[in-house]
Amino acid sequence: MINLLSVFEDGRLKLPKIGLIKYKDNRKITGRILSATISLKAGRWYASINCADVSVKTKPKTSINVGLDLGLTDFATLSNGEKITKLNITKLENQYKRLQKALSRKTIGSANFNKNKLQLARKYQQIVDKRNDYLQKLSTKLVNEFDIICIEDLNVKGMSSKGKSYKKGLNRSIFNASWSNFVDMLKYKTEWYDKSLNQINRFFPSTKTCSKCSYLHRDFGLHIREWTCPVCKSTHDRDVNAAINILNEGLKIISTVGTTGI
């Protein structure tokens, strides 16, 4: 941790005992600068600036609410029927795997080993940055468009553990989806911008319940993507139906809590 009195000077970053260094960032630093943390990741230096007295402008209200069902086929499905495709980083992941194999064949401590190790670290950081950029933009878009966002309180750690009910490789897909990071972003952004994030109970049967008549479908496997309610005969897209139920349940909880508080 480095305490800073004067951080920026002529478009450069000023560090004690080091002086002025060039940096790449198009964001304007606001508030009162307290400190900076300098870190090294994959051969690149980063400065994390800690500021106080930062004012955040609230987002305009839209009077539109949404239910959000996170998935693996699509990253997320909205209660309005919109489906958000998942991030495709297969090419980067394959490149990472090839670098891993190449590294395993190198002599530990050799020049080629160290070179390959740095390439592997940079490729990993590229994957992390790509995924983080995707999640940041998506979470900001949702907070801009909706006032209340309802979502399931998922037990990601439990879902990604190995078990008989999960197909081979499914736990890896859950990990790669980065649901936890996404929900964390929604939490602090809704708080910043005076919006609301409501998480419903993870055991609520959002997928198995008919959003039209509330009939509960008992036998429901992962392979079923569309189903027809035997009571009201409504045909449902699995994920859209779940998102609608999540929205309705979330709004019901908000209404109940509001009534109790009066």
C-alpha atoms as a PDB file:
ATOM      1  CA  MET A   1       0.000   0.000   0.000  1.00  0.00           C
ATOM      2  CA  ILE A   2       1.396   3.373  -1.049  1.00  0.00           C
ATOM      3  CA  ASN A   3       0.014   6.582   0.427  1.00  0.00           C
ATOM      4  CA  LEU A   4      -0.331   9.313  -2.156  1.00  0.00           C
ATOM      5  CA  LEU A   5      -0.644  13.042  -1.794  1.00  0.00           C
ATOM      6  CA  SER A   6      -0.378  13.960  -5.457  1.00  0.00           C
ATOM      7  CA  VAL A   7      -1.173  11.121  -7.820  1.00  0.00           C
ATOM      8  CA  PHE A   8      -1.587  12.632 -11.258  1.00  0.00           C
ATOM      9  CA  GLU A   9       0.659  15.121 -12.935  1.00  0.00           C
ATOM     10  CA  ASP A  10       0.660  15.961 -16.647  1.00  0.00           C
ATOM     11  CA  GLY A  11      -1.300  12.797 -17.481  1.00  0.00           C
ATOM     12  CA  ARG A  12       1.111  10.548 -15.616  1.00  0.00           C
ATOM     13  CA  LEU A  13       1.002   8.658 -12.347  1.00  0.00           C
ATOM     14  CA  LYS A  14       3.256   9.952  -9.577  1.00  0.00           C
ATOM     15  CA  LEU A  15       4.590   7.376  -7.124  1.00  0.00           C
ATOM     16  CA  PRO A  16       6.801   8.084  -4.086  1.00  0.00           C
ATOM     17  CA  LYS A  17      10.503   7.241  -4.615  1.00  0.00           C
ATOM     18  CA  ILE A  18       9.743   6.234  -8.225  1.00  0.00           C
ATOM     19  CA  GLY A  19       8.504   9.458  -9.777  1.00  0.00           C
ATOM     20  CA  LEU A  20       6.266   9.946 -12.797  1.00  0.00           C
ATOM     21  CA  ILE A  21       5.282   6.953 -14.919  1.00  0.00           C
ATOM     22  CA  LYS A  22       2.963   6.620 -17.912  1.00  0.00           C
ATOM     23  CA  TYR A  23      -0.310   4.794 -17.498  1.00  0.00           C
ATOM     24  CA  LYS A  24      -3.212   3.671 -19.700  1.00  0.00           C
ATOM     25  CA  ASP A  25      -6.704   4.556 -18.519  1.00  0.00           C
ATOM     26  CA  ASN A  26      -9.430   6.724 -20.028  1.00  0.00           C
ATOM     27  CA  ARG A  27     -11.368   7.100 -16.766  1.00  0.00           C
ATOM     28  CA  LYS A  28     -11.312  10.323 -14.791  1.00  0.00           C
ATOM     29  CA  ILE A  29     -10.407   9.890 -11.133  1.00  0.00           C
ATOM     30  CA  THR A  30     -12.874  11.698  -8.850  1.00  0.00           C
ATOM     31  CA  GLY A  31     -13.029  12.207  -5.093  1.00  0.00           C
ATOM     32  CA  ARG A  32     -10.248  12.493  -2.555  1.00  0.00           C
ATOM     33  CA  ILE A  33      -7.371  10.104  -3.275  1.00  0.00           C
ATOM     34  CA  LEU A  34      -6.281   8.159  -0.190  1.00  0.00           C
ATOM     35  CA  SER A  35      -3.877   5.516  -1.432  1.00  0.00           C
ATOM     36  CA  ALA A  36      -2.871   3.250  -4.270  1.00  0.00           C
ATOM     37  CA  THR A  37      -1.988  -0.426  -4.402  1.00  0.00           C
ATOM     38  CA  ILE A  38       0.606  -1.441  -6.998  1.00  0.00           C
ATOM     39  CA  SER A  39       0.447  -5.051  -8.180  1.00  0.00           C
ATOM     40  CA  LEU A  40       2.059  -7.228 -10.854  1.00  0.00           C
ATOM     41  CA  LYS A  41      -0.128  -9.569 -12.914  1.00  0.00           C
ATOM     42  CA  ALA A  42       1.135 -11.665 -15.826  1.00  0.00           C
ATOM     43  CA  GLY A  43       4.088  -9.362 -16.449  1.00  0.00           C
ATOM     44  CA  ARG A  44       2.038  -6.144 -16.263  1.00  0.00           C
ATOM     45  CA  TRP A  45       1.875  -3.550 -13.494  1.00  0.00           C
ATOM     46  CA  TYR A  46      -1.468  -2.290 -12.196  1.00  0.00           C
ATOM     47  CA  ALA A  47      -2.367   0.569  -9.864  1.00  0.00           C
ATOM     48  CA  SER A  48      -5.576   0.376  -7.843  1.00  0.00           C
ATOM     49  CA  ILE A  49      -6.574   3.855  -6.643  1.00  0.00           C
ATOM     50  CA  ASN A  50      -8.562   4.145  -3.403  1.00  0.00           C
ATOM     51  CA  CYS A  51     -10.710   7.316  -3.226  1.00  0.00           C
ATOM     52  CA  ALA A  52     -13.054   8.840  -0.659  1.00  0.00           C
ATOM     53  CA  ASP A  53     -15.938  11.334  -0.987  1.00  0.00           C
ATOM     54  CA  VAL A  54     -16.938   9.925  -4.392  1.00  0.00           C
ATOM     55  CA  SER A  55     -20.455  10.874  -5.477  1.00  0.00           C
ATOM     56  CA  VAL A  56     -22.384   8.438  -7.686  1.00  0.00           C
ATOM     57  CA  LYS A  57     -25.278   9.698  -9.783  1.00  0.00           C
ATOM     58  CA  THR A  58     -28.405   7.549  -9.532  1.00  0.00           C
ATOM     59  CA  LYS A  59     -29.852   6.046 -12.701  1.00  0.00           C
ATOM     60  CA  PRO A  60     -33.227   7.305 -13.955  1.00  0.00           C
ATOM     61  CA  LYS A  61     -36.216   5.128 -13.041  1.00  0.00           C
ATOM     62  CA  THR A  62     -37.766   3.067 -15.854  1.00  0.00           C
ATOM     63  CA  SER A  63     -40.752   1.569 -13.969  1.00  0.00           C
ATOM     64  CA  ILE A  64     -39.840  -1.795 -15.506  1.00  0.00           C
ATOM     65  CA  ASN A  65     -39.013  -4.901 -13.463  1.00  0.00           C
ATOM     66  CA  VAL A  66     -37.444  -8.164 -14.608  1.00  0.00           C
ATOM     67  CA  GLY A  67     -36.883 -11.735 -13.513  1.00  0.00           C
ATOM     68  CA  LEU A  68     -33.560 -13.310 -14.381  1.00  0.00           C
ATOM     69  CA  ASP A  69     -32.907 -17.029 -14.822  1.00  0.00           C
ATOM     70  CA  LEU A  70     -29.213 -17.901 -15.093  1.00  0.00           C
ATOM     71  CA  GLY A  71     -28.369 -20.884 -17.254  1.00  0.00           C
ATOM     72  CA  LEU A  72     -25.740 -22.776 -19.216  1.00  0.00           C
ATOM     73  CA  THR A  73     -27.339 -22.968 -22.671  1.00  0.00           C
ATOM     74  CA  ASP A  74     -27.801 -19.192 -22.556  1.00  0.00           C
ATOM     75  CA  PHE A  75     -26.052 -17.146 -19.885  1.00  0.00           C
ATOM     76  CA  ALA A  76     -29.346 -15.635 -18.768  1.00  0.00           C
ATOM     77  CA  THR A  77     -33.008 -15.537 -19.766  1.00  0.00           C
ATOM     78  CA  LEU A  78     -35.191 -12.544 -18.938  1.00  0.00           C
ATOM     79  CA  SER A  79     -38.872 -12.681 -18.006  1.00  0.00           C
ATOM     80  CA  ASN A  80     -39.652 -10.554 -21.082  1.00  0.00           C
ATOM     81  CA  GLY A  81     -38.444 -13.424 -23.283  1.00  0.00           C
ATOM     82  CA  GLU A  82     -35.016 -11.991 -24.107  1.00  0.00           C
ATOM     83  CA  LYS A  83     -32.139 -14.475 -24.035  1.00  0.00           C
ATOM     84  CA  ILE A  84     -28.575 -13.375 -23.395  1.00  0.00           C
ATOM     85  CA  THR A  85     -26.016 -15.580 -25.090  1.00  0.00           C
ATOM     86  CA  LYS A  86     -23.046 -16.751 -23.072  1.00  0.00           C
ATOM     87  CA  LEU A  87     -19.542 -15.456 -23.717  1.00  0.00           C
ATOM     88  CA  ASN A  88     -17.666 -17.525 -26.306  1.00  0.00           C
ATOM     89  CA  ILE A  89     -14.034 -17.854 -25.239  1.00  0.00           C
ATOM     90  CA  THR A  90     -13.422 -21.346 -26.640  1.00  0.00           C
ATOM     91  CA  LYS A  91     -10.550 -20.139 -28.818  1.00  0.00           C
ATOM     92  CA  LEU A  92      -8.763 -18.556 -25.844  1.00  0.00           C
ATOM     93  CA  GLU A  93      -9.363 -21.630 -23.689  1.00  0.00           C
ATOM     94  CA  ASN A  94      -7.894 -23.911 -26.367  1.00  0.00           C
ATOM     95  CA  GLN A  95      -4.844 -21.661 -26.634  1.00  0.00           C
ATOM     96  CA  TYR A  96      -4.462 -21.835 -22.862  1.00  0.00           C
ATOM     97  CA  LYS A  97      -4.607 -25.641 -22.924  1.00  0.00           C
ATOM     98  CA  ARG A  98      -1.924 -25.810 -25.622  1.00  0.00           C
ATOM     99  CA  LEU A  99       0.351 -23.562 -23.574  1.00  0.00           C
ATOM    100  CA  GLN A 100      -0.231 -25.783 -20.534  1.00  0.00           C
ATOM    101  CA  LYS A 101       0.843 -28.870 -22.500  1.00  0.00           C
ATOM    102  CA  ALA A 102       3.873 -27.063 -23.907  1.00  0.00           C
ATOM    103  CA  LEU A 103       4.911 -25.966 -20.414  1.00  0.00           C
ATOM    104  CA  SER A 104       4.718 -29.537 -19.090  1.00  0.00           C
ATOM    105  CA  ARG A 105       7.332 -30.578 -21.644  1.00  0.00           C
ATOM    106  CA  LYS A 106       9.827 -27.848 -20.693  1.00  0.00           C
ATOM    107  CA  THR A 107      12.689 -28.250 -18.222  1.00  0.00           C
ATOM    108  CA  ILE A 108      11.762 -26.487 -14.983  1.00  0.00           C
ATOM    109  CA  GLY A 109      13.868 -23.365 -14.495  1.00  0.00           C
ATOM    110  CA  SER A 110      15.074 -23.168 -18.106  1.00  0.00           C
ATOM    111  CA  ALA A 111      14.756 -20.008 -20.219  1.00  0.00           C
ATOM    112  CA  ASN A 112      12.097 -21.648 -22.391  1.00  0.00           C
ATOM    113  CA  PHE A 113      10.194 -22.770 -19.285  1.00  0.00           C
ATOM    114  CA  ASN A 114      10.109 -19.247 -17.862  1.00  0.00           C
ATOM    115  CA  LYS A 115       9.113 -17.792 -21.228  1.00  0.00           C
ATOM    116  CA  ASN A 116       6.302 -20.340 -21.628  1.00  0.00           C
ATOM    117  CA  LYS A 117       5.171 -19.741 -18.033  1.00  0.00           C
ATOM    118  CA  LEU A 118       4.805 -16.002 -18.678  1.00  0.00           C
ATOM    119  CA  GLN A 119       2.847 -16.692 -21.892  1.00  0.00           C
ATOM    120  CA  LEU A 120       0.524 -18.988 -19.933  1.00  0.00           C
ATOM    121  CA  ALA A 121      -0.035 -16.337 -17.241  1.00  0.00           C
ATOM    122  CA  ARG A 122      -0.816 -13.707 -19.870  1.00  0.00           C
ATOM    123  CA  LYS A 123      -3.285 -15.982 -21.656  1.00  0.00           C
ATOM    124  CA  TYR A 124      -5.030 -16.737 -18.356  1.00  0.00           C
ATOM    125  CA  GLN A 125      -5.252 -13.020 -17.564  1.00  0.00           C
ATOM    126  CA  GLN A 126      -6.677 -12.407 -21.043  1.00  0.00           C
ATOM    127  CA  ILE A 127      -9.456 -14.920 -20.320  1.00  0.00           C
ATOM    128  CA  VAL A 128     -10.171 -13.314 -16.927  1.00  0.00           C
ATOM    129  CA  ASP A 129     -10.275  -9.807 -18.434  1.00  0.00           C
ATOM    130  CA  LYS A 130     -12.543 -10.943 -21.286  1.00  0.00           C
ATOM    131  CA  ARG A 131     -15.014 -12.555 -18.890  1.00  0.00           C
ATOM    132  CA  ASN A 132     -14.942  -9.612 -16.482  1.00  0.00           C
ATOM    133  CA  ASP A 133     -15.575  -7.106 -19.297  1.00  0.00           C
ATOM    134  CA  TYR A 134     -18.573  -9.158 -20.462  1.00  0.00           C
ATOM    135  CA  LEU A 135     -20.077  -9.331 -16.964  1.00  0.00           C
ATOM    136  CA  GLN A 136     -19.479  -5.642 -16.246  1.00  0.00           C
ATOM    137  CA  LYS A 137     -21.201  -4.503 -19.442  1.00  0.00           C
ATOM    138  CA  LEU A 138     -24.134  -6.898 -18.974  1.00  0.00           C
ATOM    139  CA  SER A 139     -24.742  -5.961 -15.319  1.00  0.00           C
ATOM    140  CA  THR A 140     -24.604  -2.245 -16.178  1.00  0.00           C
ATOM    141  CA  LYS A 141     -27.077  -2.758 -19.030  1.00  0.00           C
ATOM    142  CA  LEU A 142     -29.573  -4.509 -16.742  1.00  0.00           C
ATOM    143  CA  VAL A 143     -29.286  -1.863 -14.006  1.00  0.00           C
ATOM    144  CA  ASN A 144     -29.849   0.847 -16.635  1.00  0.00           C
ATOM    145  CA  GLU A 145     -32.978  -0.812 -18.048  1.00  0.00           C
ATOM    146  CA  PHE A 146     -34.759  -2.146 -14.940  1.00  0.00           C
ATOM    147  CA  ASP A 147     -35.733  -0.835 -11.503  1.00  0.00           C
ATOM    148  CA  ILE A 148     -36.194  -4.194  -9.744  1.00  0.00           C
ATOM    149  CA  ILE A 149     -34.152  -7.250 -10.711  1.00  0.00           C
ATOM    150  CA  CYS A 150     -35.282 -10.578  -9.253  1.00  0.00           C
ATOM    151  CA  ILE A 151     -32.911 -13.533  -9.261  1.00  0.00           C
ATOM    152  CA  GLU A 152     -32.473 -16.888  -7.518  1.00  0.00           C
ATOM    153  CA  ASP A 153     -30.137 -17.155  -4.545  1.00  0.00           C
ATOM    154  CA  LEU A 154     -28.048 -19.905  -6.160  1.00  0.00           C
ATOM    155  CA  ASN A 155     -25.689 -22.165  -4.247  1.00  0.00           C
ATOM    156  CA  VAL A 156     -22.994 -22.091  -6.940  1.00  0.00           C
ATOM    157  CA  LYS A 157     -20.452 -23.986  -4.848  1.00  0.00           C
ATOM    158  CA  GLY A 158     -22.907 -26.816  -4.207  1.00  0.00           C
ATOM    159  CA  MET A 159     -24.101 -26.913  -7.824  1.00  0.00           C
ATOM    160  CA  SER A 160     -20.574 -27.166  -9.212  1.00  0.00           C
ATOM    161  CA  SER A 161     -19.581 -30.063  -6.931  1.00  0.00           C
ATOM    162  CA  LYS A 162     -19.490 -33.535  -8.427  1.00  0.00           C
ATOM    163  CA  GLY A 163     -22.653 -35.547  -8.010  1.00  0.00           C
ATOM    164  CA  LYS A 164     -24.808 -38.187  -9.680  1.00  0.00           C
ATOM    165  CA  SER A 165     -27.361 -35.627 -10.860  1.00  0.00           C
ATOM    166  CA  TYR A 166     -24.817 -33.695 -12.937  1.00  0.00           C
ATOM    167  CA  LYS A 167     -23.413 -34.598 -16.295  1.00  0.00           C
ATOM    168  CA  LYS A 168     -19.694 -34.881 -16.859  1.00  0.00           C
ATOM    169  CA  GLY A 169     -18.218 -31.424 -17.348  1.00  0.00           C
ATOM    170  CA  LEU A 170     -21.291 -29.593 -16.026  1.00  0.00           C
ATOM    171  CA  ASN A 171     -19.482 -28.438 -12.894  1.00  0.00           C
ATOM    172  CA  ARG A 172     -16.808 -26.851 -15.103  1.00  0.00           C
ATOM    173  CA  SER A 173     -19.498 -25.077 -17.141  1.00  0.00           C
ATOM    174  CA  ILE A 174     -21.035 -23.658 -13.974  1.00  0.00           C
ATOM    175  CA  PHE A 175     -17.627 -22.408 -12.837  1.00  0.00           C
ATOM    176  CA  ASN A 176     -16.923 -20.808 -16.227  1.00  0.00           C
ATOM    177  CA  ALA A 177     -20.295 -19.052 -16.231  1.00  0.00           C
ATOM    178  CA  SER A 178     -19.067 -16.862 -13.317  1.00  0.00           C
ATOM    179  CA  TRP A 179     -22.531 -16.536 -11.814  1.00  0.00           C
ATOM    180  CA  SER A 180     -21.209 -15.473  -8.399  1.00  0.00           C
ATOM    181  CA  ASN A 181     -19.176 -12.599  -9.851  1.00  0.00           C
ATOM    182  CA  PHE A 182     -22.162 -11.491 -11.916  1.00  0.00           C
ATOM    183  CA  VAL A 183     -24.511 -11.437  -8.919  1.00  0.00           C
ATOM    184  CA  ASP A 184     -21.927  -9.508  -6.877  1.00  0.00           C
ATOM    185  CA  MET A 185     -21.784  -6.874  -9.632  1.00  0.00           C
ATOM    186  CA  LEU A 186     -25.581  -6.588  -9.649  1.00  0.00           C
ATOM    187  CA  LYS A 187     -25.571  -6.175  -5.865  1.00  0.00           C
ATOM    188  CA  TYR A 188     -23.246  -3.195  -5.674  1.00  0.00           C
ATOM    189  CA  LYS A 189     -24.510  -1.539  -8.857  1.00  0.00           C
ATOM    190  CA  THR A 190     -28.166  -1.649  -7.777  1.00  0.00           C
ATOM    191  CA  GLU A 191     -27.068  -0.161  -4.450  1.00  0.00           C
ATOM    192  CA  TRP A 192     -25.019   2.556  -6.155  1.00  0.00           C
ATOM    193  CA  TYR A 193     -27.718   3.606  -8.595  1.00  0.00           C
ATOM    194  CA  ASP A 194     -30.784   3.381  -6.325  1.00  0.00           C
ATOM    195  CA  LYS A 195     -32.182   0.270  -7.969  1.00  0.00           C
ATOM    196  CA  SER A 196     -33.220  -3.001  -6.278  1.00  0.00           C
ATOM    197  CA  LEU A 197     -31.926  -6.579  -6.441  1.00  0.00           C
ATOM    198  CA  ASN A 198     -34.167  -9.199  -4.840  1.00  0.00           C
ATOM    199  CA  GLN A 199     -32.947 -12.796  -4.440  1.00  0.00           C
ATOM    200  CA  ILE A 200     -35.600 -15.474  -3.945  1.00  0.00           C
ATOM    201  CA  ASN A 201     -35.144 -18.754  -2.075  1.00  0.00           C
ATOM    202  CA  ARG A 202     -32.945 -21.196  -3.997  1.00  0.00           C
ATOM    203  CA  PHE A 203     -35.453 -24.008  -3.321  1.00  0.00           C
ATOM    204  CA  PHE A 204     -38.361 -22.208  -4.998  1.00  0.00           C
ATOM    205  CA  PRO A 205     -39.444 -24.461  -7.946  1.00  0.00           C
ATOM    206  CA  SER A 206     -39.247 -21.739 -10.603  1.00  0.00           C
ATOM    207  CA  THR A 207     -38.604 -24.183 -13.463  1.00  0.00           C
ATOM    208  CA  LYS A 208     -41.254 -26.759 -12.537  1.00  0.00           C
ATOM    209  CA  THR A 209     -44.104 -24.309 -11.847  1.00  0.00           C
ATOM    210  CA  CYS A 210     -46.497 -23.187 -14.575  1.00  0.00           C
ATOM    211  CA  SER A 211     -46.364 -19.387 -14.677  1.00  0.00           C
ATOM    212  CA  LYS A 212     -50.001 -19.274 -15.858  1.00  0.00           C
ATOM    213  CA  CYS A 213     -51.865 -21.487 -13.375  1.00  0.00           C
ATOM    214  CA  SER A 214     -49.169 -22.408 -10.782  1.00  0.00           C
ATOM    215  CA  TYR A 215     -49.387 -26.148 -11.508  1.00  0.00           C
ATOM    216  CA  LEU A 216     -46.280 -27.933 -10.173  1.00  0.00           C
ATOM    217  CA  HIS A 217     -44.648 -30.360 -12.622  1.00  0.00           C
ATOM    218  CA  ARG A 218     -43.028 -33.081 -10.487  1.00  0.00           C
ATOM    219  CA  ASP A 219     -40.964 -35.023 -13.040  1.00  0.00           C
ATOM    220  CA  PHE A 220     -38.635 -32.550 -14.731  1.00  0.00           C
ATOM    221  CA  GLY A 221     -35.170 -33.415 -16.130  1.00  0.00           C
ATOM    222  CA  LEU A 222     -32.401 -31.160 -17.450  1.00  0.00           C
ATOM    223  CA  HIS A 223     -33.071 -32.362 -21.010  1.00  0.00           C
ATOM    224  CA  ILE A 224     -36.596 -30.847 -21.112  1.00  0.00           C
ATOM    225  CA  ARG A 225     -36.377 -27.427 -22.783  1.00  0.00           C
ATOM    226  CA  GLU A 226     -40.081 -26.926 -23.554  1.00  0.00           C
ATOM    227  CA  TRP A 227     -43.185 -28.311 -21.886  1.00  0.00           C
ATOM    228  CA  THR A 228     -46.976 -28.033 -21.915  1.00  0.00           C
ATOM    229  CA  CYS A 229     -48.938 -27.634 -18.711  1.00  0.00           C
ATOM    230  CA  PRO A 230     -51.459 -30.522 -18.376  1.00  0.00           C
ATOM    231  CA  VAL A 231     -53.906 -28.261 -16.527  1.00  0.00           C
ATOM    232  CA  CYS A 232     -54.119 -24.985 -18.483  1.00  0.00           C
ATOM    233  CA  LYS A 233     -52.471 -26.333 -21.690  1.00  0.00           C
ATOM    234  CA  SER A 234     -50.002 -23.444 -21.846  1.00  0.00           C
ATOM    235  CA  THR A 235     -46.745 -24.222 -23.646  1.00  0.00           C
ATOM    236  CA  HIS A 236     -43.642 -22.936 -21.905  1.00  0.00           C
ATOM    237  CA  ASP A 237     -40.040 -22.328 -22.810  1.00  0.00           C
ATOM    238  CA  ARG A 238     -38.244 -23.784 -19.788  1.00  0.00           C
ATOM    239  CA  ASP A 239     -36.036 -20.757 -19.070  1.00  0.00           C
ATOM    240  CA  VAL A 240     -38.557 -18.009 -19.898  1.00  0.00           C
ATOM    241  CA  ASN A 241     -41.139 -19.688 -17.660  1.00  0.00           C
ATOM    242  CA  ALA A 242     -38.580 -19.865 -14.826  1.00  0.00           C
ATOM    243  CA  ALA A 243     -37.691 -16.181 -15.247  1.00  0.00           C
ATOM    244  CA  ILE A 244     -41.376 -15.170 -15.079  1.00  0.00           C
ATOM    245  CA  ASN A 245     -41.840 -17.203 -11.893  1.00  0.00           C
ATOM    246  CA  ILE A 246     -38.734 -15.654 -10.368  1.00  0.00           C
ATOM    247  CA  LEU A 247     -40.072 -12.172 -11.109  1.00  0.00           C
ATOM    248  CA  ASN A 248     -43.515 -12.940  -9.671  1.00  0.00           C
ATOM    249  CA  GLU A 249     -42.059 -14.527  -6.537  1.00  0.00           C
ATOM    250  CA  GLY A 250     -39.616 -11.658  -6.063  1.00  0.00           C
ATOM    251  CA  LEU A 251     -42.336  -9.027  -6.345  1.00  0.00           C
ATOM    252  CA  LYS A 252     -44.556 -11.031  -3.979  1.00  0.00           C
ATOM    253  CA  ILE A 253     -41.786 -11.042  -1.356  1.00  0.00           C
ATOM    254  CA  ILE A 254     -41.267  -7.292  -1.752  1.00  0.00           C
ATOM    255  CA  SER A 255     -45.014  -6.702  -1.373  1.00  0.00           C
ATOM    256  CA  THR A 256     -45.190  -8.900   1.759  1.00  0.00           C
ATOM    257  CA  VAL A 257     -42.214  -7.246   3.399  1.00  0.00           C
ATOM    258  CA  GLY A 258     -43.613  -3.813   2.566  1.00  0.00           C
ATOM    259  CA  THR A 259     -46.976  -4.693   4.096  1.00  0.00           C
ATOM    260  CA  THR A 260     -45.345  -6.094   7.227  1.00  0.00           C
ATOM    261  CA  GLY A 261     -43.306  -2.933   7.696  1.00  0.00           C
ATOM    262  CA  ILE A 262     -46.351  -0.625   7.698  1.00  0.00           C
END
